[in-house]
Amino acid sequence: MTVLKNAVNEYLALRRSLGYRLHRTEAQLNAFVSFMERQGERHITTKLAMRWVRESAPGATVNAVERLGAVRRFAKFWSAADPCTEVPPAGLIRRPRVAVHPYIYTATEINRLMQAARKLPSPEGFRAHTYYCLLGLLAVTGLRIGEAMKLRIDDVNLDEGLLTIKGTKFGKSRLVPLHPTTIKALADYAKRRASLLGKTRLPTFFVNERRSPLSDTNIHDTFVKLRRNAGLAGAKDRVGPRLHDFRHRFAVQTLLNWYRAGEDVERLLPVLSTFLGHSRVQNTYWYLSSAPELLGVASKRLEKRWGGQR
């Protein structure tokens, strides 16, 4: 089974050289190879792959589809070296329909969330400053929450008004310019951060009152409370507007502003795609159909342009 384990490592190295991270894929393929080892099997077969998926992720779940997809892609790679390998055909497990609709915050709702952040209780009062600044940054830059929470001190250049986003979702780095008001807010936070930490040295820009980096769980739990305190829809449970929806709102608002200003949106889309850190401009096109208001503005512009030629 060492042969298959080496093959998995070779496959992962190849795909990572193309910019993929594959943390979950690595765990899934190692688990599959261990399963084959326990079964005494040396060659990948469709039957074996389906058995592993059903045992490790029963039911037609997103997780099951993802696991089978990981095995399928690896099998296609390995079949060139092992002719006995079977590549599971596509569509063996139907992907469940999961509709996640973006929530487009209004300016009023963002203001309510930020005011709720200002009132967050904490012994030294620093928690309120952290979340007020974090939410504001998400709203005006469209950063992913993971990118914002991982910002390091040397990634925040307030003199030049630039953020350097490293180690992104697709392994690319990019520069994000800041508005003067954002620079001022970040500079104020930096002073408060320095006062809190004293001689303690932490690499991340955003920190909590315990003088340590923010965690995913803590950020999510705090945002659930902020939603509730701001009175947003779905705030009484854990389903409702998400932190990621700040990114949706930024993209949609940018497109709306371009349409209203009469800009050539098709020409500018690659600019927005680069700004957001999308790997393909097609991912940015998705926003053109994600908001009724955006569709309405685009339709009116088309009618104005072509209406007189009917």
Protein backbone atom coordinates (compact mmCIF):
# COMPACT_ATOMS: atom_id res chain seq x y z
CA MET A 1 0.00 0.00 0.00
CA THR A 2 3.07 2.24 0.16
CA VAL A 3 2.76 2.55 -3.63
CA LEU A 4 -0.70 4.14 -3.36
CA LYS A 5 0.34 6.41 -0.49
CA ASN A 6 3.28 7.64 -2.56
CA ALA A 7 0.92 8.13 -5.49
CA VAL A 8 -1.38 10.27 -3.34
CA ASN A 9 1.58 12.43 -2.29
CA GLU A 10 2.69 12.79 -5.91
CA TYR A 11 -0.85 13.73 -6.99
CA LEU A 12 -1.22 16.31 -4.23
CA ALA A 13 2.18 17.85 -5.00
CA LEU A 14 1.24 18.18 -8.67
CA ARG A 15 -2.07 19.90 -7.98
CA ARG A 16 -0.59 22.15 -5.29
CA SER A 17 1.99 23.33 -7.79
CA LEU A 18 -1.01 24.68 -9.74
CA GLY A 19 -2.23 26.69 -6.74
CA TYR A 20 -4.66 24.29 -5.02
CA ARG A 21 -4.48 23.81 -1.24
CA LEU A 22 -6.28 20.46 -0.94
CA HIS A 23 -6.27 20.14 2.86
CA ARG A 24 -9.57 18.22 2.88
CA THR A 25 -8.63 16.24 -0.23
CA GLU A 26 -5.41 15.08 1.44
CA ALA A 27 -7.30 13.82 4.50
CA GLN A 28 -9.95 12.15 2.32
CA LEU A 29 -7.48 10.33 0.07
CA ASN A 30 -5.35 9.18 2.99
CA ALA A 31 -8.51 7.84 4.65
CA PHE A 32 -9.50 6.05 1.43
CA VAL A 33 -6.07 4.44 1.04
CA SER A 34 -6.19 3.31 4.69
CA PHE A 35 -9.64 1.83 3.99
CA MET A 36 -8.23 -0.07 0.99
CA GLU A 37 -5.41 -1.34 3.18
CA ARG A 38 -7.86 -2.68 5.76
CA GLN A 39 -9.79 -4.42 2.97
CA GLY A 40 -6.64 -5.95 1.52
CA GLU A 41 -7.27 -4.23 -1.85
CA ARG A 42 -4.49 -2.95 -4.12
CA HIS A 43 -6.46 -1.43 -6.99
CA ILE A 44 -9.10 1.29 -6.99
CA THR A 45 -12.52 0.11 -8.16
CA THR A 46 -15.87 1.86 -8.39
CA LYS A 47 -17.42 -0.66 -6.02
CA LEU A 48 -14.67 -0.10 -3.44
CA ALA A 49 -14.92 3.69 -3.70
CA MET A 50 -18.70 3.62 -3.26
CA ARG A 51 -18.37 1.32 -0.26
CA TRP A 52 -15.93 3.69 1.42
CA VAL A 53 -18.11 6.73 0.72
CA ARG A 54 -21.25 5.05 2.06
CA GLU A 55 -19.49 3.96 5.24
CA SER A 56 -17.73 7.27 5.88
CA ALA A 57 -20.50 9.62 4.70
CA PRO A 58 -23.86 7.79 4.58
CA GLY A 59 -26.66 9.31 2.51
CA ALA A 60 -26.70 11.62 -0.48
CA THR A 61 -24.88 14.43 1.29
CA VAL A 62 -22.56 17.14 0.05
CA ASN A 63 -19.81 15.39 2.01
CA ALA A 64 -20.42 12.11 0.15
CA VAL A 65 -20.30 13.85 -3.23
CA GLU A 66 -17.09 15.61 -2.26
CA ARG A 67 -15.41 12.41 -1.07
CA LEU A 68 -16.32 10.46 -4.20
CA GLY A 69 -15.14 13.37 -6.32
CA ALA A 70 -11.77 13.33 -4.56
CA VAL A 71 -11.35 9.61 -5.25
CA ARG A 72 -12.54 10.02 -8.83
CA ARG A 73 -10.01 12.75 -9.64
CA PHE A 74 -7.19 10.78 -8.03
CA ALA A 75 -8.22 7.61 -9.88
CA LYS A 76 -8.05 9.46 -13.22
CA PHE A 77 -4.52 10.53 -12.35
CA TRP A 78 -3.43 7.08 -11.12
CA SER A 79 -5.02 5.12 -13.99
CA ALA A 80 -2.14 6.18 -16.26
CA ALA A 81 0.26 4.24 -14.02
CA ASP A 82 -2.08 1.42 -12.97
CA PRO A 83 -4.25 0.09 -15.83
CA CYS A 84 -6.26 -1.95 -13.30
CA THR A 85 -7.63 1.26 -11.77
CA GLU A 86 -11.32 1.95 -12.30
CA VAL A 87 -12.40 5.59 -12.50
CA PRO A 88 -15.83 5.94 -10.83
CA PRO A 89 -18.21 7.54 -13.35
CA ALA A 90 -19.65 10.97 -12.65
CA GLY A 91 -23.13 11.26 -11.17
CA LEU A 92 -23.14 8.11 -9.02
CA ILE A 93 -24.29 10.21 -6.07
CA ARG A 94 -26.72 13.02 -6.75
CA ARG A 95 -25.65 16.28 -5.18
CA PRO A 96 -28.34 17.49 -2.77
CA ARG A 97 -29.87 20.80 -3.67
CA VAL A 98 -28.57 23.34 -1.19
CA ALA A 99 -29.72 26.87 -1.94
CA VAL A 100 -27.58 29.47 -0.24
CA HIS A 101 -28.86 32.86 -1.29
CA PRO A 102 -26.62 35.85 -0.65
CA TYR A 103 -27.97 38.42 1.76
CA ILE A 104 -27.33 41.93 0.47
CA TYR A 105 -27.00 44.22 3.48
CA THR A 106 -28.40 47.71 3.27
CA ALA A 107 -26.30 50.64 4.45
CA THR A 108 -28.67 50.99 7.41
CA GLU A 109 -28.18 47.35 8.43
CA ILE A 110 -24.40 47.65 8.25
CA ASN A 111 -24.58 50.73 10.44
CA ARG A 112 -26.76 48.85 12.96
CA LEU A 113 -24.29 45.96 13.06
CA MET A 114 -21.36 48.29 13.62
CA GLN A 115 -23.19 50.18 16.34
CA ALA A 116 -23.98 46.83 17.99
CA ALA A 117 -20.24 46.05 17.80
CA ARG A 118 -19.46 49.31 19.59
CA LYS A 119 -21.56 48.11 22.54
CA LEU A 120 -19.92 44.69 22.95
CA PRO A 121 -19.04 44.25 26.64
CA SER A 122 -15.54 43.29 27.75
CA PRO A 123 -13.37 44.04 30.79
CA GLU A 124 -11.06 46.47 29.00
CA GLY A 125 -13.47 47.58 26.27
CA PHE A 126 -11.13 46.43 23.50
CA ARG A 127 -13.47 43.79 22.06
CA ALA A 128 -15.84 46.50 20.83
CA HIS A 129 -13.04 48.24 18.93
CA THR A 130 -11.90 44.99 17.32
CA TYR A 131 -15.30 44.01 15.95
CA TYR A 132 -16.26 47.55 14.96
CA CYS A 133 -13.07 47.79 12.90
CA LEU A 134 -13.30 44.23 11.54
CA LEU A 135 -16.90 44.60 10.30
CA GLY A 136 -16.14 47.99 8.82
CA LEU A 137 -13.16 46.59 6.93
CA LEU A 138 -15.23 43.71 5.53
CA ALA A 139 -17.91 46.15 4.37
CA VAL A 140 -15.58 48.51 2.48
CA THR A 141 -13.09 46.02 1.00
CA GLY A 142 -15.02 42.81 0.28
CA LEU A 143 -12.34 40.72 1.98
CA ARG A 144 -13.07 37.14 2.94
CA ILE A 145 -13.35 36.84 6.72
CA GLY A 146 -10.38 34.45 6.73
CA GLU A 147 -8.27 37.01 4.89
CA ALA A 148 -9.18 39.76 7.36
CA MET A 149 -8.55 37.74 10.51
CA LYS A 150 -5.16 36.52 9.18
CA LEU A 151 -3.88 39.98 8.29
CA ARG A 152 -0.44 40.46 9.79
CA ILE A 153 1.02 43.71 11.06
CA ASP A 154 3.34 43.99 8.05
CA ASP A 155 0.39 43.38 5.69
CA VAL A 156 -1.24 46.65 6.79
CA ASN A 157 0.64 49.58 5.23
CA LEU A 158 -1.16 52.66 6.49
CA ASP A 159 1.43 55.04 5.03
CA GLU A 160 0.71 53.77 1.51
CA GLY A 161 -2.94 52.97 2.23
CA LEU A 162 -2.58 49.35 1.09
CA LEU A 163 -3.38 45.90 2.43
CA THR A 164 -1.36 42.93 1.21
CA ILE A 165 -3.53 39.82 1.13
CA LYS A 166 -1.34 36.71 1.25
CA GLY A 167 -2.11 33.01 1.20
CA THR A 168 -5.59 33.50 -0.24
CA LYS A 169 -8.14 30.85 -1.14
CA PHE A 170 -6.37 30.21 -4.46
CA GLY A 171 -2.82 30.74 -3.25
CA LYS A 172 -2.40 34.16 -4.86
CA SER A 173 -1.46 37.45 -3.22
CA ARG A 174 -3.04 40.80 -4.06
CA LEU A 175 -3.00 44.44 -3.00
CA VAL A 176 -6.16 46.14 -1.72
CA PRO A 177 -6.16 49.97 -1.69
CA LEU A 178 -7.85 51.73 1.23
CA HIS A 179 -10.02 54.84 1.39
CA PRO A 180 -8.65 57.65 3.63
CA THR A 181 -11.49 57.12 6.14
CA THR A 182 -10.59 53.43 6.36
CA ILE A 183 -6.91 54.28 6.87
CA LYS A 184 -7.89 56.60 9.72
CA ALA A 185 -10.04 53.89 11.38
CA LEU A 186 -7.27 51.29 11.07
CA ALA A 187 -4.69 53.72 12.43
CA ASP A 188 -6.88 54.39 15.46
CA TYR A 189 -7.27 50.64 16.01
CA ALA A 190 -3.51 50.13 15.67
CA LYS A 191 -2.89 52.65 18.47
CA ARG A 192 -5.43 50.95 20.75
CA ARG A 193 -3.91 47.56 19.88
CA ALA A 194 -0.41 48.77 20.81
CA SER A 195 -1.72 50.13 24.10
CA LEU A 196 -3.43 46.82 24.93
CA LEU A 197 -0.50 44.60 24.04
CA GLY A 198 2.28 46.69 25.54
CA LYS A 199 5.47 44.65 25.13
CA THR A 200 3.59 41.56 23.93
CA ARG A 201 4.33 40.82 20.27
CA LEU A 202 1.61 39.27 18.11
CA PRO A 203 1.88 38.95 14.32
CA THR A 204 -1.84 39.32 13.51
CA PHE A 205 -3.34 42.79 13.14
CA PHE A 206 -6.67 41.90 14.75
CA VAL A 207 -6.40 40.52 18.28
CA ASN A 208 -8.78 39.73 21.11
CA GLU A 209 -8.75 41.09 24.63
CA ARG A 210 -6.93 38.00 25.86
CA ARG A 211 -3.97 39.21 23.78
CA SER A 212 -4.17 36.41 21.21
CA PRO A 213 -5.28 36.10 17.56
CA LEU A 214 -9.00 35.88 16.73
CA SER A 215 -10.45 32.40 16.17
CA ASP A 216 -13.10 31.27 13.66
CA THR A 217 -15.41 30.04 16.43
CA ASN A 218 -15.15 33.20 18.47
CA ILE A 219 -15.79 35.43 15.44
CA HIS A 220 -18.82 33.41 14.36
CA ASP A 221 -20.35 33.27 17.85
CA THR A 222 -19.83 37.00 18.33
CA PHE A 223 -21.41 37.76 14.96
CA VAL A 224 -24.49 35.73 15.88
CA LYS A 225 -24.89 37.98 18.94
CA LEU A 226 -24.36 41.10 16.85
CA ARG A 227 -27.03 39.98 14.39
CA ARG A 228 -29.45 39.49 17.25
CA ASN A 229 -28.60 42.82 18.85
CA ALA A 230 -28.93 44.60 15.49
CA GLY A 231 -32.37 43.04 14.91
CA LEU A 232 -31.52 41.46 11.56
CA ALA A 233 -33.70 38.75 10.02
CA GLY A 234 -32.85 35.28 11.27
CA ALA A 235 -30.96 36.67 14.24
CA LYS A 236 -32.85 34.56 16.80
CA ASP A 237 -31.09 31.40 15.66
CA ARG A 238 -27.85 30.54 13.90
CA VAL A 239 -29.37 30.90 10.43
CA GLY A 240 -29.37 34.36 8.92
CA PRO A 241 -27.12 36.91 7.24
CA ARG A 242 -23.51 35.77 7.27
CA LEU A 243 -20.13 37.46 7.55
CA HIS A 244 -19.45 36.33 3.97
CA ASP A 245 -22.45 38.38 2.85
CA PHE A 246 -20.43 41.56 3.43
CA ARG A 247 -18.40 40.37 0.42
CA HIS A 248 -21.56 39.87 -1.64
CA ARG A 249 -22.78 43.32 -0.71
CA PHE A 250 -19.48 44.93 -1.67
CA ALA A 251 -19.46 43.26 -5.10
CA VAL A 252 -23.08 44.08 -5.86
CA GLN A 253 -22.73 47.69 -4.67
CA THR A 254 -19.63 48.16 -6.83
CA LEU A 255 -21.48 46.89 -9.89
CA LEU A 256 -24.49 49.09 -9.12
CA ASN A 257 -22.27 52.15 -8.82
CA TRP A 258 -20.65 51.37 -12.18
CA TYR A 259 -23.99 50.90 -13.91
CA ARG A 260 -25.40 54.12 -12.46
CA ALA A 261 -22.27 56.02 -13.50
CA GLY A 262 -22.61 54.73 -17.07
CA GLU A 263 -19.34 52.78 -16.90
CA ASP A 264 -18.49 49.90 -19.22
CA VAL A 265 -19.23 47.12 -16.72
CA GLU A 266 -18.07 44.29 -19.01
CA ARG A 267 -14.66 45.97 -19.33
CA LEU A 268 -14.39 46.63 -15.59
CA LEU A 269 -15.45 43.17 -14.38
CA PRO A 270 -11.88 41.78 -14.52
CA VAL A 271 -10.85 44.68 -12.25
CA LEU A 272 -13.46 43.68 -9.67
CA SER A 273 -12.48 40.02 -10.09
CA THR A 274 -8.83 40.84 -9.30
CA PHE A 275 -9.84 43.06 -6.37
CA LEU A 276 -11.94 40.26 -4.85
CA GLY A 277 -9.24 37.64 -5.42
CA HIS A 278 -11.35 35.46 -7.71
CA SER A 279 -9.45 32.82 -9.67
CA ARG A 280 -11.67 33.29 -12.73
CA VAL A 281 -13.72 36.25 -13.93
CA GLN A 282 -16.66 33.84 -14.34
CA ASN A 283 -16.94 33.76 -10.55
CA THR A 284 -17.50 37.51 -10.59
CA TYR A 285 -20.16 37.25 -13.32
CA TRP A 286 -22.26 35.36 -10.76
CA TYR A 287 -22.96 38.63 -8.98
CA LEU A 288 -24.73 39.98 -12.07
CA SER A 289 -27.65 37.65 -11.32
CA SER A 290 -27.49 37.59 -7.51
CA ALA A 291 -29.43 40.77 -6.73
CA PRO A 292 -32.81 41.87 -8.16
CA GLU A 293 -31.79 45.54 -7.87
CA LEU A 294 -28.70 44.89 -9.95
CA LEU A 295 -30.70 43.06 -12.61
CA GLY A 296 -33.17 45.93 -12.68
CA VAL A 297 -30.48 48.55 -13.23
CA ALA A 298 -28.83 46.45 -15.94
CA SER A 299 -32.18 45.92 -17.71
CA LYS A 300 -32.99 49.64 -17.69
CA ARG A 301 -29.58 50.40 -19.15
CA LEU A 302 -30.15 47.88 -21.96
CA GLU A 303 -33.61 49.28 -22.66
CA LYS A 304 -32.19 52.80 -22.84
CA ARG A 305 -29.47 51.67 -25.21
CA TRP A 306 -31.51 49.46 -27.53
CA GLY A 307 -35.10 50.55 -26.98
CA GLY A 308 -35.11 53.10 -29.76
CA GLN A 309 -33.88 50.56 -32.33
CA ARG A 310 -36.89 48.23 -32.15
